[in-house]
Amino acid sequence: MALRMTDREVNGVSVIDLEGRIVLGEESNSFRERVKGLLAAGKKKIVLNLANVSYIDSAGLGTLVATFHSARSQGATLKLANLGQKFKEVLQVTKLMTVFDTYENEAAAVQSFGK
């Protein structure tokens, strides 16, 4: 299943809804380009809604880390919301849980940016 992405604004925060798999190849590339596009448009507050991500491989994790650092280097903040149990386990095993700001749901992630 290809990765589908839709983005929208919630209280001045860009939310990207991801659905499908974040894996090596076209999925990782299109995900990276989508975030790059938001950064280029001057968006500084980005939440990735991962509720419908069914699978992420090591290349997908690499892309996630790369986009996180890319955002940070441009003065933007990238936060993760709605991580499934499998996703949480992968982040804990890889010690990436300490790198990302993660939230139980999208509302909490959006709210964490403050006003």
PDB file of N, CA and C in Angstrom:
ATOM      1  N   MET A   1       0.846  -1.190   0.000  1.00  0.00           N
ATOM      2  CA  MET A   1       0.000   0.000   0.000  1.00  0.00           C
ATOM      3  C   MET A   1       0.884   1.243   0.000  1.00  0.00           C
ATOM      4  N   ALA A   2       0.634   2.139  -0.923  1.00  0.00           N
ATOM      5  CA  ALA A   2       1.416   3.365  -1.008  1.00  0.00           C
ATOM      6  C   ALA A   2       1.107   4.265   0.181  1.00  0.00           C
ATOM      7  N   LEU A   3       1.995   5.199   0.423  1.00  0.00           N
ATOM      8  CA  LEU A   3       1.792   6.146   1.517  1.00  0.00           C
ATOM      9  C   LEU A   3       0.935   7.295   1.016  1.00  0.00           C
ATOM     10  N   ARG A   4      -0.170   7.529   1.720  1.00  0.00           N
ATOM     11  CA  ARG A   4      -1.038   8.673   1.379  1.00  0.00           C
ATOM     12  C   ARG A   4      -0.849   9.752   2.426  1.00  0.00           C
ATOM     13  N   MET A   5      -0.791  10.989   1.966  1.00  0.00           N
ATOM     14  CA  MET A   5      -0.591  12.107   2.887  1.00  0.00           C
ATOM     15  C   MET A   5      -1.573  13.222   2.567  1.00  0.00           C
ATOM     16  N   THR A   6      -2.145  13.781   3.618  1.00  0.00           N
ATOM     17  CA  THR A   6      -2.967  14.977   3.445  1.00  0.00           C
ATOM     18  C   THR A   6      -2.523  15.951   4.517  1.00  0.00           C
ATOM     19  N   ASP A   7      -2.420  17.220   4.144  1.00  0.00           N
ATOM     20  CA  ASP A   7      -2.068  18.162   5.195  1.00  0.00           C
ATOM     21  C   ASP A   7      -3.127  19.231   5.336  1.00  0.00           C
ATOM     22  N   ARG A   8      -3.212  19.734   6.554  1.00  0.00           N
ATOM     23  CA  ARG A   8      -4.226  20.721   6.908  1.00  0.00           C
ATOM     24  C   ARG A   8      -3.684  21.582   8.033  1.00  0.00           C
ATOM     25  N   GLU A   9      -4.355  22.694   8.269  1.00  0.00           N
ATOM     26  CA  GLU A   9      -3.960  23.617   9.335  1.00  0.00           C
ATOM     27  C   GLU A   9      -4.920  23.466  10.517  1.00  0.00           C
ATOM     28  N   VAL A  10      -4.376  23.382  11.717  1.00  0.00           N
ATOM     29  CA  VAL A  10      -5.183  23.368  12.930  1.00  0.00           C
ATOM     30  C   VAL A  10      -4.562  24.377  13.887  1.00  0.00           C
ATOM     31  N   ASN A  11      -5.275  25.485  14.125  1.00  0.00           N
ATOM     32  CA  ASN A  11      -4.783  26.534  15.037  1.00  0.00           C
ATOM     33  C   ASN A  11      -3.361  26.984  14.710  1.00  0.00           C
ATOM     34  N   GLY A  12      -3.078  27.163  13.431  1.00  0.00           N
ATOM     35  CA  GLY A  12      -1.758  27.648  13.025  1.00  0.00           C
ATOM     36  C   GLY A  12      -0.673  26.582  12.989  1.00  0.00           C
ATOM     37  N   VAL A  13      -1.060  25.328  13.209  1.00  0.00           N
ATOM     38  CA  VAL A  13      -0.111  24.217  13.172  1.00  0.00           C
ATOM     39  C   VAL A  13      -0.408  23.377  11.924  1.00  0.00           C
ATOM     40  N   SER A  14       0.643  23.021  11.185  1.00  0.00           N
ATOM     41  CA  SER A  14       0.470  22.158  10.011  1.00  0.00           C
ATOM     42  C   SER A  14       0.409  20.717  10.479  1.00  0.00           C
ATOM     43  N   VAL A  15      -0.682  20.024  10.131  1.00  0.00           N
ATOM     44  CA  VAL A  15      -0.839  18.616  10.499  1.00  0.00           C
ATOM     45  C   VAL A  15      -0.787  17.791   9.215  1.00  0.00           C
ATOM     46  N   ILE A  16       0.105  16.800   9.190  1.00  0.00           N
ATOM     47  CA  ILE A  16       0.166  15.890   8.049  1.00  0.00           C
ATOM     48  C   ILE A  16      -0.400  14.552   8.516  1.00  0.00           C
ATOM     49  N   ASP A  17      -1.492  14.136   7.881  1.00  0.00           N
ATOM     50  CA  ASP A  17      -2.063  12.816   8.162  1.00  0.00           C
ATOM     51  C   ASP A  17      -1.381  11.823   7.241  1.00  0.00           C
ATOM     52  N   LEU A  18      -0.756  10.812   7.820  1.00  0.00           N
ATOM     53  CA  LEU A  18      -0.072   9.789   7.035  1.00  0.00           C
ATOM     54  C   LEU A  18      -0.877   8.500   7.102  1.00  0.00           C
ATOM     55  N   GLU A  19      -0.992   7.828   5.959  1.00  0.00           N
ATOM     56  CA  GLU A  19      -1.724   6.567   5.921  1.00  0.00           C
ATOM     57  C   GLU A  19      -0.995   5.592   5.019  1.00  0.00           C
ATOM     58  N   GLY A  20      -0.683   4.422   5.576  1.00  0.00           N
ATOM     59  CA  GLY A  20       0.010   3.406   4.780  1.00  0.00           C
ATOM     60  C   GLY A  20       1.341   3.035   5.405  1.00  0.00           C
ATOM     61  N   ARG A  21       2.343   2.842   4.535  1.00  0.00           N
ATOM     62  CA  ARG A  21       3.655   2.382   4.986  1.00  0.00           C
ATOM     63  C   ARG A  21       4.726   3.419   4.686  1.00  0.00           C
ATOM     64  N   ILE A  22       5.624   3.624   5.645  1.00  0.00           N
ATOM     65  CA  ILE A  22       6.774   4.502   5.412  1.00  0.00           C
ATOM     66  C   ILE A  22       7.962   3.570   5.207  1.00  0.00           C
ATOM     67  N   VAL A  23       8.280   3.332   3.941  1.00  0.00           N
ATOM     68  CA  VAL A  23       9.319   2.363   3.602  1.00  0.00           C
ATOM     69  C   VAL A  23      10.271   2.938   2.553  1.00  0.00           C
ATOM     70  N   LEU A  24      11.373   2.229   2.337  1.00  0.00           N
ATOM     71  CA  LEU A  24      12.379   2.629   1.361  1.00  0.00           C
ATOM     72  C   LEU A  24      11.748   2.836  -0.006  1.00  0.00           C
ATOM     73  N   GLY A  25      12.175   3.875  -0.684  1.00  0.00           N
ATOM     74  CA  GLY A  25      11.688   4.109  -2.043  1.00  0.00           C
ATOM     75  C   GLY A  25      10.788   5.314  -2.137  1.00  0.00           C
ATOM     76  N   GLU A  26       9.777   5.187  -2.970  1.00  0.00           N
ATOM     77  CA  GLU A  26       8.886   6.306  -3.271  1.00  0.00           C
ATOM     78  C   GLU A  26       8.194   6.864  -2.029  1.00  0.00           C
ATOM     79  N   GLU A  27       7.797   5.981  -1.097  1.00  0.00           N
ATOM     80  CA  GLU A  27       7.094   6.438   0.107  1.00  0.00           C
ATOM     81  C   GLU A  27       7.962   7.383   0.941  1.00  0.00           C
ATOM     82  N   SER A  28       9.195   6.959   1.210  1.00  0.00           N
ATOM     83  CA  SER A  28      10.104   7.794   1.994  1.00  0.00           C
ATOM     84  C   SER A  28      10.411   9.102   1.269  1.00  0.00           C
ATOM     85  N   ASN A  29      10.624   9.010  -0.037  1.00  0.00           N
ATOM     86  CA  ASN A  29      10.939  10.213  -0.817  1.00  0.00           C
ATOM     87  C   ASN A  29       9.789  11.214  -0.822  1.00  0.00           C
ATOM     88  N   SER A  30       8.570  10.718  -1.036  1.00  0.00           N
ATOM     89  CA  SER A  30       7.427  11.631  -1.101  1.00  0.00           C
ATOM     90  C   SER A  30       7.156  12.240   0.278  1.00  0.00           C
ATOM     91  N   PHE A  31       7.379  11.472   1.334  1.00  0.00           N
ATOM     92  CA  PHE A  31       7.212  11.986   2.698  1.00  0.00           C
ATOM     93  C   PHE A  31       8.218  13.112   2.953  1.00  0.00           C
ATOM     94  N   ARG A  32       9.487  12.865   2.599  1.00  0.00           N
ATOM     95  CA  ARG A  32      10.537  13.865   2.793  1.00  0.00           C
ATOM     96  C   ARG A  32      10.213  15.136   2.017  1.00  0.00           C
ATOM     97  N   GLU A  33       9.753  14.978   0.778  1.00  0.00           N
ATOM     98  CA  GLU A  33       9.416  16.133  -0.071  1.00  0.00           C
ATOM     99  C   GLU A  33       8.247  16.923   0.504  1.00  0.00           C
ATOM    100  N   ARG A  34       7.270  16.228   1.076  1.00  0.00           N
ATOM    101  CA  ARG A  34       6.108  16.908   1.649  1.00  0.00           C
ATOM    102  C   ARG A  34       6.533  17.804   2.807  1.00  0.00           C
ATOM    103  N   VAL A  35       7.365  17.269   3.697  1.00  0.00           N
ATOM    104  CA  VAL A  35       7.839  18.061   4.839  1.00  0.00           C
ATOM    105  C   VAL A  35       8.711  19.210   4.341  1.00  0.00           C
ATOM    106  N   LYS A  36       9.571  18.921   3.362  1.00  0.00           N
ATOM    107  CA  LYS A  36      10.438  19.960   2.796  1.00  0.00           C
ATOM    108  C   LYS A  36       9.601  21.098   2.220  1.00  0.00           C
ATOM    109  N   GLY A  37       8.493  20.759   1.575  1.00  0.00           N
ATOM    110  CA  GLY A  37       7.598  21.758   0.995  1.00  0.00           C
ATOM    111  C   GLY A  37       6.992  22.657   2.064  1.00  0.00           C
ATOM    112  N   LEU A  38       6.586  22.063   3.182  1.00  0.00           N
ATOM    113  CA  LEU A  38       6.027  22.853   4.285  1.00  0.00           C
ATOM    114  C   LEU A  38       7.073  23.793   4.864  1.00  0.00           C
ATOM    115  N   LEU A  39       8.295  23.282   5.032  1.00  0.00           N
ATOM    116  CA  LEU A  39       9.377  24.114   5.569  1.00  0.00           C
ATOM    117  C   LEU A  39       9.684  25.263   4.618  1.00  0.00           C
ATOM    118  N   ALA A  40       9.697  24.961   3.320  1.00  0.00           N
ATOM    119  CA  ALA A  40       9.968  25.994   2.310  1.00  0.00           C
ATOM    120  C   ALA A  40       8.883  27.063   2.328  1.00  0.00           C
ATOM    121  N   ALA A  41       7.657  26.663   2.696  1.00  0.00           N
ATOM    122  CA  ALA A  41       6.534  27.607   2.753  1.00  0.00           C
ATOM    123  C   ALA A  41       6.540  28.397   4.064  1.00  0.00           C
ATOM    124  N   GLY A  42       7.564  28.163   4.887  1.00  0.00           N
ATOM    125  CA  GLY A  42       7.694  28.927   6.126  1.00  0.00           C
ATOM    126  C   GLY A  42       6.936  28.348   7.307  1.00  0.00           C
ATOM    127  N   LYS A  43       6.465  27.109   7.177  1.00  0.00           N
ATOM    128  CA  LYS A  43       5.739  26.481   8.291  1.00  0.00           C
ATOM    129  C   LYS A  43       6.747  26.050   9.355  1.00  0.00           C
ATOM    130  N   LYS A  44       6.513  26.466  10.593  1.00  0.00           N
ATOM    131  CA  LYS A  44       7.465  26.180  11.677  1.00  0.00           C
ATOM    132  C   LYS A  44       6.920  25.192  12.702  1.00  0.00           C
ATOM    133  N   LYS A  45       5.612  24.924  12.647  1.00  0.00           N
ATOM    134  CA  LYS A  45       4.987  24.011  13.604  1.00  0.00           C
ATOM    135  C   LYS A  45       4.332  22.887  12.814  1.00  0.00           C
ATOM    136  N   ILE A  46       4.893  21.688  12.951  1.00  0.00           N
ATOM    137  CA  ILE A  46       4.404  20.553  12.158  1.00  0.00           C
ATOM    138  C   ILE A  46       4.124  19.360  13.069  1.00  0.00           C
ATOM    139  N   VAL A  47       2.942  18.773  12.906  1.00  0.00           N
ATOM    140  CA  VAL A  47       2.575  17.552  13.628  1.00  0.00           C
ATOM    141  C   VAL A  47       2.357  16.453  12.596  1.00  0.00           C
ATOM    142  N   LEU A  48       2.976  15.306  12.830  1.00  0.00           N
ATOM    143  CA  LEU A  48       2.745  14.140  11.978  1.00  0.00           C
ATOM    144  C   LEU A  48       1.744  13.246  12.688  1.00  0.00           C
ATOM    145  N   ASN A  49       0.569  13.065  12.068  1.00  0.00           N
ATOM    146  CA  ASN A  49      -0.456  12.197  12.631  1.00  0.00           C
ATOM    147  C   ASN A  49      -0.210  10.799  12.071  1.00  0.00           C
ATOM    148  N   LEU A  50       0.283   9.902  12.924  1.00  0.00           N
ATOM    149  CA  LEU A  50       0.705   8.571  12.483  1.00  0.00           C
ATOM    150  C   LEU A  50      -0.328   7.489  12.782  1.00  0.00           C
ATOM    151  N   ALA A  51      -1.566   7.890  13.076  1.00  0.00           N
ATOM    152  CA  ALA A  51      -2.609   6.935  13.474  1.00  0.00           C
ATOM    153  C   ALA A  51      -2.809   5.822  12.448  1.00  0.00           C
ATOM    154  N   ASN A  52      -2.673   6.138  11.156  1.00  0.00           N
ATOM    155  CA  ASN A  52      -2.960   5.141  10.121  1.00  0.00           C
ATOM    156  C   ASN A  52      -1.719   4.617   9.410  1.00  0.00           C
ATOM    157  N   VAL A  53      -0.560   4.750  10.071  1.00  0.00           N
ATOM    158  CA  VAL A  53       0.662   4.171   9.502  1.00  0.00           C
ATOM    159  C   VAL A  53       0.709   2.708   9.932  1.00  0.00           C
ATOM    160  N   SER A  54       0.704   1.818   8.948  1.00  0.00           N
ATOM    161  CA  SER A  54       0.635   0.394   9.265  1.00  0.00           C
ATOM    162  C   SER A  54       2.008  -0.238   9.447  1.00  0.00           C
ATOM    163  N   TYR A  55       3.051   0.398   8.883  1.00  0.00           N
ATOM    164  CA  TYR A  55       4.380  -0.208   8.945  1.00  0.00           C
ATOM    165  C   TYR A  55       5.439   0.843   8.654  1.00  0.00           C
ATOM    166  N   ILE A  56       6.569   0.736   9.322  1.00  0.00           N
ATOM    167  CA  ILE A  56       7.711   1.598   9.016  1.00  0.00           C
ATOM    168  C   ILE A  56       8.957   0.721   9.043  1.00  0.00           C
ATOM    169  N   ASP A  57       9.795   0.832   8.008  1.00  0.00           N
ATOM    170  CA  ASP A  57      11.033   0.044   7.997  1.00  0.00           C
ATOM    171  C   ASP A  57      12.197   0.942   8.412  1.00  0.00           C
ATOM    172  N   SER A  58      13.408   0.398   8.383  1.00  0.00           N
ATOM    173  CA  SER A  58      14.568   1.166   8.847  1.00  0.00           C
ATOM    174  C   SER A  58      14.801   2.405   7.981  1.00  0.00           C
ATOM    175  N   ALA A  59      14.531   2.302   6.684  1.00  0.00           N
ATOM    176  CA  ALA A  59      14.683   3.466   5.802  1.00  0.00           C
ATOM    177  C   ALA A  59      13.647   4.528   6.161  1.00  0.00           C
ATOM    178  N   GLY A  60      12.439   4.090   6.492  1.00  0.00           N
ATOM    179  CA  GLY A  60      11.388   5.015   6.908  1.00  0.00           C
ATOM    180  C   GLY A  60      11.770   5.727   8.194  1.00  0.00           C
ATOM    181  N   LEU A  61      12.366   4.974   9.131  1.00  0.00           N
ATOM    182  CA  LEU A  61      12.832   5.586  10.386  1.00  0.00           C
ATOM    183  C   LEU A  61      13.925   6.604  10.094  1.00  0.00           C
ATOM    184  N   GLY A  62      14.826   6.238   9.185  1.00  0.00           N
ATOM    185  CA  GLY A  62      15.905   7.153   8.797  1.00  0.00           C
ATOM    186  C   GLY A  62      15.339   8.433   8.221  1.00  0.00           C
ATOM    187  N   THR A  63      14.307   8.303   7.399  1.00  0.00           N
ATOM    188  CA  THR A  63      13.661   9.468   6.795  1.00  0.00           C
ATOM    189  C   THR A  63      13.013  10.330   7.880  1.00  0.00           C
ATOM    190  N   LEU A  64      12.382   9.680   8.842  1.00  0.00           N
ATOM    191  CA  LEU A  64      11.741  10.399   9.947  1.00  0.00           C
ATOM    192  C   LEU A  64      12.782  11.214  10.728  1.00  0.00           C
ATOM    193  N   VAL A  65      13.914  10.577  11.024  1.00  0.00           N
ATOM    194  CA  VAL A  65      14.984  11.264  11.753  1.00  0.00           C
ATOM    195  C   VAL A  65      15.554  12.409  10.913  1.00  0.00           C
ATOM    196  N   ALA A  66      15.757  12.160   9.618  1.00  0.00           N
ATOM    197  CA  ALA A  66      16.311  13.191   8.729  1.00  0.00           C
ATOM    198  C   ALA A  66      15.376  14.396   8.635  1.00  0.00           C
ATOM    199  N   THR A  67      14.070  14.158   8.505  1.00  0.00           N
ATOM    200  CA  THR A  67      13.132  15.280   8.407  1.00  0.00           C
ATOM    201  C   THR A  67      13.058  16.032   9.732  1.00  0.00           C
ATOM    202  N   PHE A  68      13.186  15.299  10.835  1.00  0.00           N
ATOM    203  CA  PHE A  68      13.191  15.927  12.160  1.00  0.00           C
ATOM    204  C   PHE A  68      14.366  16.900  12.272  1.00  0.00           C
ATOM    205  N   HIS A  69      15.561  16.444  11.887  1.00  0.00           N
ATOM    206  CA  HIS A  69      16.758  17.293  11.963  1.00  0.00           C
ATOM    207  C   HIS A  69      16.705  18.435  10.959  1.00  0.00           C
ATOM    208  N   SER A  70      16.167  18.154   9.796  1.00  0.00           N
ATOM    209  CA  SER A  70      16.025  19.187   8.763  1.00  0.00           C
ATOM    210  C   SER A  70      15.110  20.300   9.275  1.00  0.00           C
ATOM    211  N   ALA A  71      14.005  19.920   9.895  1.00  0.00           N
ATOM    212  CA  ALA A  71      13.062  20.903  10.446  1.00  0.00           C
ATOM    213  C   ALA A  71      13.747  21.718  11.533  1.00  0.00           C
ATOM    214  N   ARG A  72      14.418  21.030  12.426  1.00  0.00           N
ATOM    215  CA  ARG A  72      15.077  21.708  13.547  1.00  0.00           C
ATOM    216  C   ARG A  72      16.138  22.695  13.038  1.00  0.00           C
ATOM    217  N   SER A  73      16.895  22.305  12.027  1.00  0.00           N
ATOM    218  CA  SER A  73      17.954  23.185  11.510  1.00  0.00           C
ATOM    219  C   SER A  73      17.374  24.438  10.848  1.00  0.00           C
ATOM    220  N   GLN A  74      16.094  24.365  10.474  1.00  0.00           N
ATOM    221  CA  GLN A  74      15.437  25.521   9.864  1.00  0.00           C
ATOM    222  C   GLN A  74      14.549  26.269  10.858  1.00  0.00           C
ATOM    223  N   GLY A  75      14.730  25.950  12.137  1.00  0.00           N
ATOM    224  CA  GLY A  75      13.982  26.650  13.168  1.00  0.00           C
ATOM    225  C   GLY A  75      12.547  26.185  13.331  1.00  0.00           C
ATOM    226  N   ALA A  76      12.237  25.029  12.777  1.00  0.00           N
ATOM    227  CA  ALA A  76      10.879  24.487  12.879  1.00  0.00           C
ATOM    228  C   ALA A  76      10.857  23.351  13.909  1.00  0.00           C
ATOM    229  N   THR A  77       9.663  22.981  14.341  1.00  0.00           N
ATOM    230  CA  THR A  77       9.508  21.890  15.295  1.00  0.00           C
ATOM    231  C   THR A  77       8.585  20.839  14.698  1.00  0.00           C
ATOM    232  N   LEU A  78       9.007  19.587  14.762  1.00  0.00           N
ATOM    233  CA  LEU A  78       8.246  18.458  14.236  1.00  0.00           C
ATOM    234  C   LEU A  78       7.859  17.572  15.410  1.00  0.00           C
ATOM    235  N   LYS A  79       6.561  17.286  15.558  1.00  0.00           N
ATOM    236  CA  LYS A  79       6.096  16.441  16.657  1.00  0.00           C
ATOM    237  C   LYS A  79       5.291  15.275  16.095  1.00  0.00           C
ATOM    238  N   LEU A  80       5.288  14.164  16.825  1.00  0.00           N
ATOM    239  CA  LEU A  80       4.579  12.964  16.391  1.00  0.00           C
ATOM    240  C   LEU A  80       3.344  12.742  17.264  1.00  0.00           C
ATOM    241  N   ALA A  81       2.249  12.348  16.623  1.00  0.00           N
ATOM    242  CA  ALA A  81       1.021  12.069  17.366  1.00  0.00           C
ATOM    243  C   ALA A  81       0.415  10.744  16.926  1.00  0.00           C
ATOM    244  N   ASN A  82      -0.337  10.128  17.819  1.00  0.00           N
ATOM    245  CA  ASN A  82      -1.078   8.892  17.525  1.00  0.00           C
ATOM    246  C   ASN A  82      -0.191   7.732  17.092  1.00  0.00           C
ATOM    247  N   LEU A  83       0.890   7.513  17.826  1.00  0.00           N
ATOM    248  CA  LEU A  83       1.747   6.371  17.510  1.00  0.00           C
ATOM    249  C   LEU A  83       1.048   5.093  17.941  1.00  0.00           C
ATOM    250  N   GLY A  84       1.003   4.127  17.070  1.00  0.00           N
ATOM    251  CA  GLY A  84       0.432   2.830  17.424  1.00  0.00           C
ATOM    252  C   GLY A  84       1.402   2.090  18.335  1.00  0.00           C
ATOM    253  N   GLN A  85       0.970   0.991  18.908  1.00  0.00           N
ATOM    254  CA  GLN A  85       1.802   0.227  19.833  1.00  0.00           C
ATOM    255  C   GLN A  85       3.086  -0.250  19.156  1.00  0.00           C
ATOM    256  N   LYS A  86       2.972  -0.769  17.935  1.00  0.00           N
ATOM    257  CA  LYS A  86       4.144  -1.255  17.200  1.00  0.00           C
ATOM    258  C   LYS A  86       5.145  -0.131  16.971  1.00  0.00           C
ATOM    259  N   PHE A  87       4.622   1.029  16.581  1.00  0.00           N
ATOM    260  CA  PHE A  87       5.459   2.191  16.304  1.00  0.00           C
ATOM    261  C   PHE A  87       6.211   2.601  17.573  1.00  0.00           C
ATOM    262  N   LYS A  88       5.505   2.621  18.704  1.00  0.00           N
ATOM    263  CA  LYS A  88       6.130   2.967  19.986  1.00  0.00           C
ATOM    264  C   LYS A  88       7.259   1.992  20.307  1.00  0.00           C
ATOM    265  N   GLU A  89       6.992   0.696  20.097  1.00  0.00           N
ATOM    266  CA  GLU A  89       7.997  -0.327  20.385  1.00  0.00           C
ATOM    267  C   GLU A  89       9.239  -0.112  19.532  1.00  0.00           C
ATOM    268  N   VAL A  90       9.043   0.178  18.252  1.00  0.00           N
ATOM    269  CA  VAL A  90      10.175   0.410  17.349  1.00  0.00           C
ATOM    270  C   VAL A  90      10.989   1.610  17.837  1.00  0.00           C
ATOM    271  N   LEU A  91      10.309   2.688  18.221  1.00  0.00           N
ATOM    272  CA  LEU A  91      11.019   3.878  18.696  1.00  0.00           C
ATOM    273  C   LEU A  91      11.756   3.602  20.011  1.00  0.00           C
ATOM    274  N   GLN A  92      11.176   2.761  20.867  1.00  0.00           N
ATOM    275  CA  GLN A  92      11.839   2.449  22.130  1.00  0.00           C
ATOM    276  C   GLN A  92      13.055   1.566  21.900  1.00  0.00           C
ATOM    277  N   VAL A  93      12.919   0.552  21.058  1.00  0.00           N
ATOM    278  CA  VAL A  93      14.028  -0.363  20.772  1.00  0.00           C
ATOM    279  C   VAL A  93      15.196   0.382  20.135  1.00  0.00           C
ATOM    280  N   THR A  94      14.884   1.324  19.255  1.00  0.00           N
ATOM    281  CA  THR A  94      15.934   2.076  18.554  1.00  0.00           C
ATOM    282  C   THR A  94      16.409   3.298  19.342  1.00  0.00           C
ATOM    283  N   LYS A  95      15.855   3.482  20.533  1.00  0.00           N
ATOM    284  CA  LYS A  95      16.198   4.615  21.400  1.00  0.00           C
ATOM    285  C   LYS A  95      15.822   5.967  20.775  1.00  0.00           C
ATOM    286  N   LEU A  96      14.912   5.958  19.824  1.00  0.00           N
ATOM    287  CA  LEU A  96      14.487   7.200  19.171  1.00  0.00           C
ATOM    288  C   LEU A  96      13.350   7.882  19.923  1.00  0.00           C
ATOM    289  N   MET A  97      12.764   7.173  20.891  1.00  0.00           N
ATOM    290  CA  MET A  97      11.672   7.755  21.666  1.00  0.00           C
ATOM    291  C   MET A  97      12.160   9.013  22.385  1.00  0.00           C
ATOM    292  N   THR A  98      13.459   9.060  22.703  1.00  0.00           N
ATOM    293  CA  THR A  98      14.020  10.213  23.409  1.00  0.00           C
ATOM    294  C   THR A  98      14.316  11.371  22.453  1.00  0.00           C
ATOM    295  N   VAL A  99      14.340  11.094  21.152  1.00  0.00           N
ATOM    296  CA  VAL A  99      14.647  12.124  20.150  1.00  0.00           C
ATOM    297  C   VAL A  99      13.401  12.929  19.796  1.00  0.00           C
ATOM    298  N   PHE A 100      12.302  12.215  19.594  1.00  0.00           N
ATOM    299  CA  PHE A 100      11.069  12.859  19.134  1.00  0.00           C
ATOM    300  C   PHE A 100      10.174  13.320  20.285  1.00  0.00           C
ATOM    301  N   ASP A 101       9.425  14.393  20.033  1.00  0.00           N
ATOM    302  CA  ASP A 101       8.341  14.785  20.931  1.00  0.00           C
ATOM    303  C   ASP A 101       7.138  13.978  20.484  1.00  0.00           C
ATOM    304  N   THR A 102       6.644  13.102  21.347  1.00  0.00           N
ATOM    305  CA  THR A 102       5.499  12.265  20.966  1.00  0.00           C
ATOM    306  C   THR A 102       4.306  12.559  21.860  1.00  0.00           C
ATOM    307  N   TYR A 103       3.122  12.454  21.267  1.00  0.00           N
ATOM    308  CA  TYR A 103       1.872  12.756  21.979  1.00  0.00           C
ATOM    309  C   TYR A 103       0.854  11.671  21.696  1.00  0.00           C
ATOM    310  N   GLU A 104      -0.011  11.440  22.688  1.00  0.00           N
ATOM    311  CA  GLU A 104      -1.040  10.403  22.568  1.00  0.00           C
ATOM    312  C   GLU A 104      -2.011  10.694  21.432  1.00  0.00           C
ATOM    313  N   ASN A 105      -2.321  11.991  21.228  1.00  0.00           N
ATOM    314  CA  ASN A 105      -3.273  12.327  20.182  1.00  0.00           C
ATOM    315  C   ASN A 105      -2.905  13.659  19.538  1.00  0.00           C
ATOM    316  N   GLU A 106      -3.556  13.919  18.430  1.00  0.00           N
ATOM    317  CA  GLU A 106      -3.271  15.128  17.655  1.00  0.00           C
ATOM    318  C   GLU A 106      -3.567  16.402  18.446  1.00  0.00           C
ATOM    319  N   ALA A 107      -4.671  16.421  19.187  1.00  0.00           N
ATOM    320  CA  ALA A 107      -5.047  17.606  19.948  1.00  0.00           C
ATOM    321  C   ALA A 107      -3.960  17.994  20.946  1.00  0.00           C
ATOM    322  N   ALA A 108      -3.396  16.986  21.633  1.00  0.00           N
ATOM    323  CA  ALA A 108      -2.340  17.255  22.608  1.00  0.00           C
ATOM    324  C   ALA A 108      -1.086  17.782  21.922  1.00  0.00           C
ATOM    325  N   ALA A 109      -0.772  17.242  20.761  1.00  0.00           N
ATOM    326  CA  ALA A 109       0.408  17.683  20.013  1.00  0.00           C
ATOM    327  C   ALA A 109       0.240  19.125  19.550  1.00  0.00           C
ATOM    328  N   VAL A 110      -0.933  19.441  19.013  1.00  0.00           N
ATOM    329  CA  VAL A 110      -1.210  20.814  18.537  1.00  0.00           C
ATOM    330  C   VAL A 110      -1.160  21.775  19.725  1.00  0.00           C
ATOM    331  N   GLN A 111      -1.777  21.386  20.827  1.00  0.00           N
ATOM    332  CA  GLN A 111      -1.821  22.230  22.023  1.00  0.00           C
ATOM    333  C   GLN A 111      -0.428  22.484  22.590  1.00  0.00           C
ATOM    334  N   SER A 112       0.468  21.514  22.426  1.00  0.00           N
ATOM    335  CA  SER A 112       1.802  21.646  23.012  1.00  0.00           C
ATOM    336  C   SER A 112       2.591  22.820  22.423  1.00  0.00           C
ATOM    337  N   PHE A 113       2.177  23.306  21.266  1.00  0.00           N
ATOM    338  CA  PHE A 113       2.853  24.452  20.669  1.00  0.00           C
ATOM    339  C   PHE A 113       2.462  25.752  21.367  1.00  0.00           C
ATOM    340  N   GLY A 114       1.394  25.706  22.137  1.00  0.00           N
ATOM    341  CA  GLY A 114       0.930  26.913  22.826  1.00  0.00           C
ATOM    342  C   GLY A 114       0.288  27.859  21.840  1.00  0.00           C
ATOM    343  N   LYS A 115       0.029  29.054  22.266  1.00  0.00           N
ATOM    344  CA  LYS A 115      -0.649  30.029  21.394  1.00  0.00           C
ATOM    345  C   LYS A 115       0.354  30.943  20.739  1.00  0.00           C
TER     346      LYS A 115
END
